[in-house]
């Protein structure tokens, strides 16, 4: 089982590494936001500003021999999102925002994939990632990534 505190600290270290390595003006908020599930996460971001890295708590290694037990394809979900007012943005500005967010998300994924958390948290990815664009997720835009930890 991965402790929530350890996972949050690992994500904070990833944020620090990504922010220090990027030449973009766009930086990720220093503190990741985690919630028990995606619905709770959506409620918690409503008043936040800036570029947020966050998502659901890490898996708790619950298992069952019951054949009806649902096993999701991915254990973890992270968002890299920012509240945007599209009425004041051109299409080119939105496309540039998505390009910048993609670059930052790629850096986040590479650090997770390489298990380069910069800390001794014993958190390891399985190496499989699924990335999607987020558009108007409660007024937020950016990218999300699903992946597994072991």
C-alpha atoms as a PDB file:
ATOM      1  CA  UNK A   1       0.000   0.000   0.000  1.00  0.00           C
ATOM      2  CA  UNK A   2       1.233   3.476  -0.889  1.00  0.00           C
ATOM      3  CA  UNK A   3       0.592   6.012   1.852  1.00  0.00           C
ATOM      4  CA  UNK A   4      -1.226   9.162   0.746  1.00  0.00           C
ATOM      5  CA  UNK A   5       1.353  11.358   2.484  1.00  0.00           C
ATOM      6  CA  UNK A   6       4.223   9.623   0.639  1.00  0.00           C
ATOM      7  CA  UNK A   7       2.419   9.894  -2.704  1.00  0.00           C
ATOM      8  CA  UNK A   8       1.732  13.603  -2.146  1.00  0.00           C
ATOM      9  CA  UNK A   9       5.371  14.221  -1.184  1.00  0.00           C
ATOM     10  CA  UNK A  10       6.544  12.341  -4.280  1.00  0.00           C
ATOM     11  CA  UNK A  11       4.262  14.446  -6.497  1.00  0.00           C
ATOM     12  CA  UNK A  12       5.525  17.645  -4.841  1.00  0.00           C
ATOM     13  CA  UNK A  13       9.082  16.582  -5.671  1.00  0.00           C
ATOM     14  CA  UNK A  14       8.067  15.876  -9.268  1.00  0.00           C
ATOM     15  CA  UNK A  15       6.474  19.326  -9.483  1.00  0.00           C
ATOM     16  CA  UNK A  16       9.666  20.944  -8.194  1.00  0.00           C
ATOM     17  CA  UNK A  17      11.799  19.041 -10.738  1.00  0.00           C
ATOM     18  CA  UNK A  18       9.475  19.847 -13.654  1.00  0.00           C
ATOM     19  CA  UNK A  19       9.239  23.536 -12.715  1.00  0.00           C
ATOM     20  CA  UNK A  20      13.006  23.890 -12.333  1.00  0.00           C
ATOM     21  CA  UNK A  21      13.709  22.167 -15.649  1.00  0.00           C
ATOM     22  CA  UNK A  22      11.181  23.964 -17.838  1.00  0.00           C
ATOM     23  CA  UNK A  23      11.851  27.129 -19.788  1.00  0.00           C
ATOM     24  CA  UNK A  24       8.113  27.822 -20.085  1.00  0.00           C
ATOM     25  CA  UNK A  25       6.482  30.710 -18.256  1.00  0.00           C
ATOM     26  CA  UNK A  26       3.753  28.268 -17.221  1.00  0.00           C
ATOM     27  CA  UNK A  27       4.608  26.614 -13.882  1.00  0.00           C
ATOM     28  CA  UNK A  28       2.761  24.025 -11.813  1.00  0.00           C
ATOM     29  CA  UNK A  29       1.463  25.061  -8.367  1.00  0.00           C
ATOM     30  CA  UNK A  30       3.946  23.825  -5.758  1.00  0.00           C
ATOM     31  CA  UNK A  31       1.459  21.742  -3.757  1.00  0.00           C
ATOM     32  CA  UNK A  32      -0.367  18.843  -5.443  1.00  0.00           C
ATOM     33  CA  UNK A  33      -4.083  18.421  -4.729  1.00  0.00           C
ATOM     34  CA  UNK A  34      -5.281  14.908  -3.916  1.00  0.00           C
ATOM     35  CA  UNK A  35      -8.763  13.643  -3.114  1.00  0.00           C
ATOM     36  CA  UNK A  36     -10.336  10.229  -2.447  1.00  0.00           C
ATOM     37  CA  UNK A  37     -11.837  10.068  -5.941  1.00  0.00           C
ATOM     38  CA  UNK A  38     -12.369  12.061  -9.119  1.00  0.00           C
ATOM     39  CA  UNK A  39     -15.726  13.488  -7.980  1.00  0.00           C
ATOM     40  CA  UNK A  40     -14.254  14.883  -4.769  1.00  0.00           C
ATOM     41  CA  UNK A  41     -11.283  16.240  -6.714  1.00  0.00           C
ATOM     42  CA  UNK A  42     -13.666  18.090  -9.063  1.00  0.00           C
ATOM     43  CA  UNK A  43     -15.358  19.743  -6.060  1.00  0.00           C
ATOM     44  CA  UNK A  44     -12.057  20.774  -4.456  1.00  0.00           C
ATOM     45  CA  UNK A  45     -10.615  22.521  -7.525  1.00  0.00           C
ATOM     46  CA  UNK A  46     -13.547  24.869  -8.104  1.00  0.00           C
ATOM     47  CA  UNK A  47     -11.981  27.860  -6.315  1.00  0.00           C
ATOM     48  CA  UNK A  48      -8.331  27.211  -7.181  1.00  0.00           C
ATOM     49  CA  UNK A  49      -6.195  29.139  -9.631  1.00  0.00           C
ATOM     50  CA  UNK A  50      -2.948  28.424 -11.413  1.00  0.00           C
ATOM     51  CA  UNK A  51      -1.828  25.185 -13.003  1.00  0.00           C
ATOM     52  CA  UNK A  52      -2.793  22.293 -10.738  1.00  0.00           C
ATOM     53  CA  UNK A  53      -1.302  18.809 -10.615  1.00  0.00           C
ATOM     54  CA  UNK A  54      -3.566  16.497  -8.696  1.00  0.00           C
ATOM     55  CA  UNK A  55      -6.063  13.711  -8.766  1.00  0.00           C
ATOM     56  CA  UNK A  56      -7.159  10.665  -6.847  1.00  0.00           C
ATOM     57  CA  UNK A  57      -5.475   8.971  -3.916  1.00  0.00           C
ATOM     58  CA  UNK A  58      -3.077   6.136  -4.778  1.00  0.00           C
ATOM     59  CA  UNK A  59      -4.339   2.548  -4.827  1.00  0.00           C
ATOM     60  CA  UNK A  60      -4.764   0.784  -1.511  1.00  0.00           C
ATOM     61  CA  UNK A  61      -4.041  -2.707  -2.878  1.00  0.00           C
ATOM     62  CA  UNK A  62      -7.516  -3.973  -2.120  1.00  0.00           C
ATOM     63  CA  UNK A  63      -7.989  -7.367  -3.683  1.00  0.00           C
ATOM     64  CA  UNK A  64     -10.680  -9.983  -3.712  1.00  0.00           C
ATOM     65  CA  UNK A  65     -11.199 -13.464  -5.059  1.00  0.00           C
ATOM     66  CA  UNK A  66     -14.780 -12.518  -5.917  1.00  0.00           C
ATOM     67  CA  UNK A  67     -15.180 -12.714  -9.682  1.00  0.00           C
ATOM     68  CA  UNK A  68     -17.550  -9.745  -9.603  1.00  0.00           C
ATOM     69  CA  UNK A  69     -14.917  -7.517  -8.045  1.00  0.00           C
ATOM     70  CA  UNK A  70     -14.191  -4.603 -10.388  1.00  0.00           C
ATOM     71  CA  UNK A  71     -10.538  -4.090 -11.212  1.00  0.00           C
ATOM     72  CA  UNK A  72      -9.882  -0.827 -13.087  1.00  0.00           C
ATOM     73  CA  UNK A  73      -7.379  -0.795 -15.928  1.00  0.00           C
ATOM     74  CA  UNK A  74      -5.466   2.027 -14.236  1.00  0.00           C
ATOM     75  CA  UNK A  75      -4.961   2.667 -10.520  1.00  0.00           C
ATOM     76  CA  UNK A  76      -4.030   6.348 -10.577  1.00  0.00           C
ATOM     77  CA  UNK A  77      -5.408   9.415 -12.266  1.00  0.00           C
ATOM     78  CA  UNK A  78      -3.600  12.758 -12.356  1.00  0.00           C
ATOM     79  CA  UNK A  79      -4.769  16.005 -13.881  1.00  0.00           C
ATOM     80  CA  UNK A  80      -2.592  18.887 -15.008  1.00  0.00           C
ATOM     81  CA  UNK A  81      -5.233  21.573 -15.409  1.00  0.00           C
ATOM     82  CA  UNK A  82      -5.899  25.286 -15.160  1.00  0.00           C
ATOM     83  CA  UNK A  83      -9.108  27.283 -15.040  1.00  0.00           C
ATOM     84  CA  UNK A  84      -9.390  29.272 -18.269  1.00  0.00           C
ATOM     85  CA  UNK A  85     -11.768  31.910 -19.550  1.00  0.00           C
ATOM     86  CA  UNK A  86     -12.068  30.943 -23.201  1.00  0.00           C
ATOM     87  CA  UNK A  87     -14.024  34.113 -24.008  1.00  0.00           C
ATOM     88  CA  UNK A  88     -10.801  36.089 -23.568  1.00  0.00           C
ATOM     89  CA  UNK A  89      -8.541  33.650 -25.457  1.00  0.00           C
ATOM     90  CA  UNK A  90      -7.938  33.164 -29.155  1.00  0.00           C
ATOM     91  CA  UNK A  91      -7.762  29.702 -30.683  1.00  0.00           C
ATOM     92  CA  UNK A  92      -4.004  30.158 -31.087  1.00  0.00           C
ATOM     93  CA  UNK A  93      -3.622  30.988 -27.373  1.00  0.00           C
ATOM     94  CA  UNK A  94      -5.623  27.911 -26.370  1.00  0.00           C
ATOM     95  CA  UNK A  95      -3.551  25.727 -28.679  1.00  0.00           C
ATOM     96  CA  UNK A  96      -0.355  27.175 -27.189  1.00  0.00           C
ATOM     97  CA  UNK A  97      -1.683  26.466 -23.682  1.00  0.00           C
ATOM     98  CA  UNK A  98      -2.357  22.831 -24.644  1.00  0.00           C
ATOM     99  CA  UNK A  99       1.111  22.531 -26.205  1.00  0.00           C
ATOM    100  CA  UNK A 100       2.717  23.908 -23.036  1.00  0.00           C
ATOM    101  CA  UNK A 101       0.619  21.658 -20.817  1.00  0.00           C
ATOM    102  CA  UNK A 102       1.575  18.674 -23.001  1.00  0.00           C
ATOM    103  CA  UNK A 103       5.256  19.474 -22.542  1.00  0.00           C
ATOM    104  CA  UNK A 104       4.893  19.702 -18.769  1.00  0.00           C
ATOM    105  CA  UNK A 105       2.794  16.516 -18.602  1.00  0.00           C
ATOM    106  CA  UNK A 106       5.411  14.652 -20.650  1.00  0.00           C
ATOM    107  CA  UNK A 107       8.016  15.709 -18.089  1.00  0.00           C
ATOM    108  CA  UNK A 108       5.791  14.535 -15.223  1.00  0.00           C
ATOM    109  CA  UNK A 109       5.229  11.171 -16.929  1.00  0.00           C
ATOM    110  CA  UNK A 110       8.928  10.711 -17.645  1.00  0.00           C
ATOM    111  CA  UNK A 111       9.765  11.258 -13.978  1.00  0.00           C
ATOM    112  CA  UNK A 112       7.084   8.790 -12.889  1.00  0.00           C
ATOM    113  CA  UNK A 113       8.120   6.255 -15.555  1.00  0.00           C
ATOM    114  CA  UNK A 114      11.786   6.517 -14.568  1.00  0.00           C
ATOM    115  CA  UNK A 115      10.805   6.263 -10.880  1.00  0.00           C
ATOM    116  CA  UNK A 116      12.733   9.492 -10.419  1.00  0.00           C
ATOM    117  CA  UNK A 117      10.786  10.895  -7.500  1.00  0.00           C
ATOM    118  CA  UNK A 118      13.974  12.084  -5.850  1.00  0.00           C
ATOM    119  CA  UNK A 119      12.847  10.498  -2.628  1.00  0.00           C
ATOM    120  CA  UNK A 120      12.816   7.133  -0.923  1.00  0.00           C
ATOM    121  CA  UNK A 121       9.087   6.436  -1.105  1.00  0.00           C
ATOM    122  CA  UNK A 122       9.234   2.973  -2.726  1.00  0.00           C
ATOM    123  CA  UNK A 123       6.760   4.099  -5.392  1.00  0.00           C
ATOM    124  CA  UNK A 124       7.162   2.515  -8.820  1.00  0.00           C
ATOM    125  CA  UNK A 125       5.139   2.743 -12.018  1.00  0.00           C
ATOM    126  CA  UNK A 126       4.401  -0.213 -14.236  1.00  0.00           C
ATOM    127  CA  UNK A 127       5.363   1.907 -17.250  1.00  0.00           C
ATOM    128  CA  UNK A 128       1.935   2.008 -18.923  1.00  0.00           C
ATOM    129  CA  UNK A 129       0.349   5.474 -19.270  1.00  0.00           C
ATOM    130  CA  UNK A 130      -2.807   6.783 -20.945  1.00  0.00           C
ATOM    131  CA  UNK A 131      -2.990  10.553 -21.622  1.00  0.00           C
ATOM    132  CA  UNK A 132      -6.057  12.573 -22.610  1.00  0.00           C
ATOM    133  CA  UNK A 133      -6.911  16.217 -23.232  1.00  0.00           C
ATOM    134  CA  UNK A 134      -9.207  17.801 -20.674  1.00  0.00           C
ATOM    135  CA  UNK A 135     -11.671  20.350 -22.000  1.00  0.00           C
ATOM    136  CA  UNK A 136     -14.054  22.207 -19.707  1.00  0.00           C
ATOM    137  CA  UNK A 137     -13.580  19.900 -16.735  1.00  0.00           C
ATOM    138  CA  UNK A 138     -15.556  22.202 -14.419  1.00  0.00           C
ATOM    139  CA  UNK A 139     -14.056  25.146 -16.306  1.00  0.00           C
ATOM    140  CA  UNK A 140     -10.540  23.680 -16.272  1.00  0.00           C
ATOM    141  CA  UNK A 141      -8.441  22.716 -19.289  1.00  0.00           C
ATOM    142  CA  UNK A 142      -5.245  20.710 -19.724  1.00  0.00           C
ATOM    143  CA  UNK A 143      -4.261  17.051 -19.684  1.00  0.00           C
ATOM    144  CA  UNK A 144      -4.903  13.967 -17.606  1.00  0.00           C
ATOM    145  CA  UNK A 145      -2.899  10.787 -17.281  1.00  0.00           C
ATOM    146  CA  UNK A 146      -3.937   7.362 -16.009  1.00  0.00           C
ATOM    147  CA  UNK A 147      -1.305   4.862 -14.893  1.00  0.00           C
ATOM    148  CA  UNK A 148      -0.531   2.047 -12.505  1.00  0.00           C
ATOM    149  CA  UNK A 149       1.745   1.946  -9.512  1.00  0.00           C
ATOM    150  CA  UNK A 150       3.140  -1.122  -7.830  1.00  0.00           C
END
